[in-house]
Amino acid sequence: MININDKKVPKTILSNSCTHLERCTNNIGRTIIFLNCFLSKVLEQVNMARGGFREGAGRKKEYNEPVKKILLGLPESVLKQLDSYASAKNLSRPKAVAILVKQAMAQNSQLAV
């Protein structure tokens, strides 16, 4: 007889082996220990959060309105001109395109909708 959770349970014929109930109890015990460790780690991360949203954190927005991404196909010669313009003005390609479109719209009122 062996004691499991204050209950007497008969042992199998072989002295080294354990009963089915003993194996189940051990597995349940291991599972509970694992869950306790896992949950304590999760709760630690919740209580001691790193990063996340903070006022003023992150990259600053370039525009004060929503930005829509587009796919723009250009001939290679035009792309080279755009890249030289962007590098001369220290701009990214999208920012250079936006500035050039605004300039074109300002010069030619037909583009303005």
C-alpha atoms as a PDB file:
ATOM      1  CA  MET A   1       0.000   0.000   0.000  1.00  0.00           C
ATOM      2  CA  ILE A   2       1.172   3.502  -0.783  1.00  0.00           C
ATOM      3  CA  ASN A   3      -0.240   6.881   0.179  1.00  0.00           C
ATOM      4  CA  ILE A   4      -1.418   9.269  -2.543  1.00  0.00           C
ATOM      5  CA  ASN A   5      -3.053  12.447  -1.356  1.00  0.00           C
ATOM      6  CA  ASP A   6      -3.742  10.801   2.021  1.00  0.00           C
ATOM      7  CA  LYS A   7      -5.434   7.794   0.378  1.00  0.00           C
ATOM      8  CA  LYS A   8      -4.201   4.208   0.618  1.00  0.00           C
ATOM      9  CA  VAL A   9      -3.679   2.744  -2.840  1.00  0.00           C
ATOM     10  CA  PRO A  10      -2.433  -0.820  -3.486  1.00  0.00           C
ATOM     11  CA  LYS A  11       0.832  -1.094  -5.375  1.00  0.00           C
ATOM     12  CA  THR A  12       1.196  -3.412  -8.370  1.00  0.00           C
ATOM     13  CA  ILE A  13       2.967  -6.756  -8.129  1.00  0.00           C
ATOM     14  CA  LEU A  14       6.332  -5.349  -9.148  1.00  0.00           C
ATOM     15  CA  SER A  15       7.719  -3.223  -6.367  1.00  0.00           C
ATOM     16  CA  ASN A  16       9.385  -0.755  -8.763  1.00  0.00           C
ATOM     17  CA  SER A  17       6.273  -0.043 -10.809  1.00  0.00           C
ATOM     18  CA  CYS A  18       3.472   2.287  -9.828  1.00  0.00           C
ATOM     19  CA  THR A  19      -0.285   2.048 -10.171  1.00  0.00           C
ATOM     20  CA  HIS A  20      -2.302   3.760 -12.846  1.00  0.00           C
ATOM     21  CA  LEU A  21      -3.682   6.101 -10.225  1.00  0.00           C
ATOM     22  CA  GLU A  22      -0.156   6.925  -9.087  1.00  0.00           C
ATOM     23  CA  ARG A  23       0.924   7.723 -12.668  1.00  0.00           C
ATOM     24  CA  CYS A  24      -2.153   9.891 -13.241  1.00  0.00           C
ATOM     25  CA  THR A  25      -1.609  11.722  -9.970  1.00  0.00           C
ATOM     26  CA  ASN A  26       2.043  12.358 -10.842  1.00  0.00           C
ATOM     27  CA  ASN A  27       1.102  13.633 -14.310  1.00  0.00           C
ATOM     28  CA  ILE A  28      -1.572  15.893 -12.863  1.00  0.00           C
ATOM     29  CA  GLY A  29       0.912  17.188 -10.316  1.00  0.00           C
ATOM     30  CA  ARG A  30       3.465  17.927 -13.054  1.00  0.00           C
ATOM     31  CA  THR A  31       0.827  19.637 -15.167  1.00  0.00           C
ATOM     32  CA  ILE A  32      -0.257  21.820 -12.269  1.00  0.00           C
ATOM     33  CA  ILE A  33       3.354  22.749 -11.514  1.00  0.00           C
ATOM     34  CA  PHE A  34       3.923  23.578 -15.189  1.00  0.00           C
ATOM     35  CA  LEU A  35       0.762  25.690 -15.348  1.00  0.00           C
ATOM     36  CA  ASN A  36       1.668  27.514 -12.143  1.00  0.00           C
ATOM     37  CA  CYS A  37       5.138  28.329 -13.513  1.00  0.00           C
ATOM     38  CA  PHE A  38       3.718  29.384 -16.883  1.00  0.00           C
ATOM     39  CA  LEU A  39       1.009  31.561 -15.376  1.00  0.00           C
ATOM     40  CA  SER A  40       3.421  33.191 -12.945  1.00  0.00           C
ATOM     41  CA  LYS A  41       5.703  34.113 -15.886  1.00  0.00           C
ATOM     42  CA  VAL A  42       2.752  35.514 -17.848  1.00  0.00           C
ATOM     43  CA  LEU A  43       1.583  37.529 -14.863  1.00  0.00           C
ATOM     44  CA  GLU A  44       5.114  38.840 -14.334  1.00  0.00           C
ATOM     45  CA  GLN A  45       5.161  40.060 -17.933  1.00  0.00           C
ATOM     46  CA  VAL A  46       1.788  41.725 -17.485  1.00  0.00           C
ATOM     47  CA  ASN A  47       2.824  43.429 -14.257  1.00  0.00           C
ATOM     48  CA  MET A  48       6.271  44.392 -15.520  1.00  0.00           C
ATOM     49  CA  ALA A  49       5.452  45.315 -19.121  1.00  0.00           C
ATOM     50  CA  ARG A  50       8.180  46.702 -21.327  1.00  0.00           C
ATOM     51  CA  GLY A  51       7.625  49.095 -24.180  1.00  0.00           C
ATOM     52  CA  GLY A  52       4.157  49.509 -25.522  1.00  0.00           C
ATOM     53  CA  PHE A  53       2.197  52.686 -26.074  1.00  0.00           C
ATOM     54  CA  ARG A  54       3.505  55.750 -24.323  1.00  0.00           C
ATOM     55  CA  GLU A  55       2.611  59.331 -25.028  1.00  0.00           C
ATOM     56  CA  GLY A  56       5.062  60.734 -27.575  1.00  0.00           C
ATOM     57  CA  ALA A  57       6.703  57.353 -28.248  1.00  0.00           C
ATOM     58  CA  GLY A  58       7.404  56.003 -31.710  1.00  0.00           C
ATOM     59  CA  ARG A  59       8.137  57.484 -35.077  1.00  0.00           C
ATOM     60  CA  LYS A  60       6.673  60.921 -35.693  1.00  0.00           C
ATOM     61  CA  LYS A  61       4.105  61.197 -38.489  1.00  0.00           C
ATOM     62  CA  GLU A  62       5.117  63.141 -41.576  1.00  0.00           C
ATOM     63  CA  TYR A  63       1.541  63.954 -42.563  1.00  0.00           C
ATOM     64  CA  ASN A  64      -1.459  65.100 -40.540  1.00  0.00           C
ATOM     65  CA  GLU A  65      -3.852  62.967 -42.584  1.00  0.00           C
ATOM     66  CA  PRO A  66      -4.188  59.268 -43.443  1.00  0.00           C
ATOM     67  CA  VAL A  67      -1.614  57.999 -45.933  1.00  0.00           C
ATOM     68  CA  LYS A  68      -2.587  55.588 -48.718  1.00  0.00           C
ATOM     69  CA  LYS A  69       0.115  53.329 -50.159  1.00  0.00           C
ATOM     70  CA  ILE A  70       0.286  52.993 -53.947  1.00  0.00           C
ATOM     71  CA  LEU A  71       2.330  51.029 -56.432  1.00  0.00           C
ATOM     72  CA  LEU A  72       3.916  53.331 -58.998  1.00  0.00           C
ATOM     73  CA  GLY A  73       5.621  52.090 -62.130  1.00  0.00           C
ATOM     74  CA  LEU A  74       8.110  54.476 -63.734  1.00  0.00           C
ATOM     75  CA  PRO A  75      10.559  54.192 -66.623  1.00  0.00           C
ATOM     76  CA  GLU A  76      14.110  53.677 -65.400  1.00  0.00           C
ATOM     77  CA  SER A  77      15.252  57.048 -66.747  1.00  0.00           C
ATOM     78  CA  VAL A  78      12.496  58.853 -64.789  1.00  0.00           C
ATOM     79  CA  LEU A  79      13.312  56.799 -61.696  1.00  0.00           C
ATOM     80  CA  LYS A  80      16.980  57.867 -61.947  1.00  0.00           C
ATOM     81  CA  GLN A  81      15.903  61.508 -62.154  1.00  0.00           C
ATOM     82  CA  LEU A  82      13.598  61.038 -59.176  1.00  0.00           C
ATOM     83  CA  ASP A  83      16.379  59.417 -57.145  1.00  0.00           C
ATOM     84  CA  SER A  84      18.851  62.200 -57.966  1.00  0.00           C
ATOM     85  CA  TYR A  85      16.250  64.822 -57.002  1.00  0.00           C
ATOM     86  CA  ALA A  86      15.480  62.974 -53.741  1.00  0.00           C
ATOM     87  CA  SER A  87      19.138  62.572 -52.789  1.00  0.00           C
ATOM     88  CA  ALA A  88      19.931  66.207 -53.626  1.00  0.00           C
ATOM     89  CA  LYS A  89      17.089  67.369 -51.350  1.00  0.00           C
ATOM     90  CA  ASN A  90      17.794  64.659 -48.742  1.00  0.00           C
ATOM     91  CA  LEU A  91      14.309  63.131 -49.187  1.00  0.00           C
ATOM     92  CA  SER A  92      12.896  59.657 -49.448  1.00  0.00           C
ATOM     93  CA  ARG A  93      11.382  58.581 -52.772  1.00  0.00           C
ATOM     94  CA  PRO A  94       7.765  58.826 -51.519  1.00  0.00           C
ATOM     95  CA  LYS A  95       8.365  62.266 -50.019  1.00  0.00           C
ATOM     96  CA  ALA A  96      10.021  63.449 -53.252  1.00  0.00           C
ATOM     97  CA  VAL A  97       7.053  62.188 -55.299  1.00  0.00           C
ATOM     98  CA  ALA A  98       4.610  63.969 -52.972  1.00  0.00           C
ATOM     99  CA  ILE A  99       6.533  67.259 -53.244  1.00  0.00           C
ATOM    100  CA  LEU A 100       6.799  67.026 -57.037  1.00  0.00           C
ATOM    101  CA  VAL A 101       3.068  66.292 -57.372  1.00  0.00           C
ATOM    102  CA  LYS A 102       2.208  69.263 -55.138  1.00  0.00           C
ATOM    103  CA  GLN A 103       4.496  71.524 -57.190  1.00  0.00           C
ATOM    104  CA  ALA A 104       2.930  70.314 -60.436  1.00  0.00           C
ATOM    105  CA  MET A 105      -0.559  70.902 -59.053  1.00  0.00           C
ATOM    106  CA  ALA A 106       0.386  74.415 -57.937  1.00  0.00           C
ATOM    107  CA  GLN A 107       1.819  75.306 -61.361  1.00  0.00           C
ATOM    108  CA  ASN A 108      -0.983  73.757 -63.358  1.00  0.00           C
ATOM    109  CA  SER A 109      -4.425  74.265 -61.906  1.00  0.00           C
ATOM    110  CA  GLN A 110      -5.844  71.637 -64.288  1.00  0.00           C
ATOM    111  CA  LEU A 111      -4.413  68.861 -62.098  1.00  0.00           C
ATOM    112  CA  ALA A 112      -6.220  70.169 -59.045  1.00  0.00           C
ATOM    113  CA  VAL A 113      -9.528  68.443 -58.511  1.00  0.00           C
END
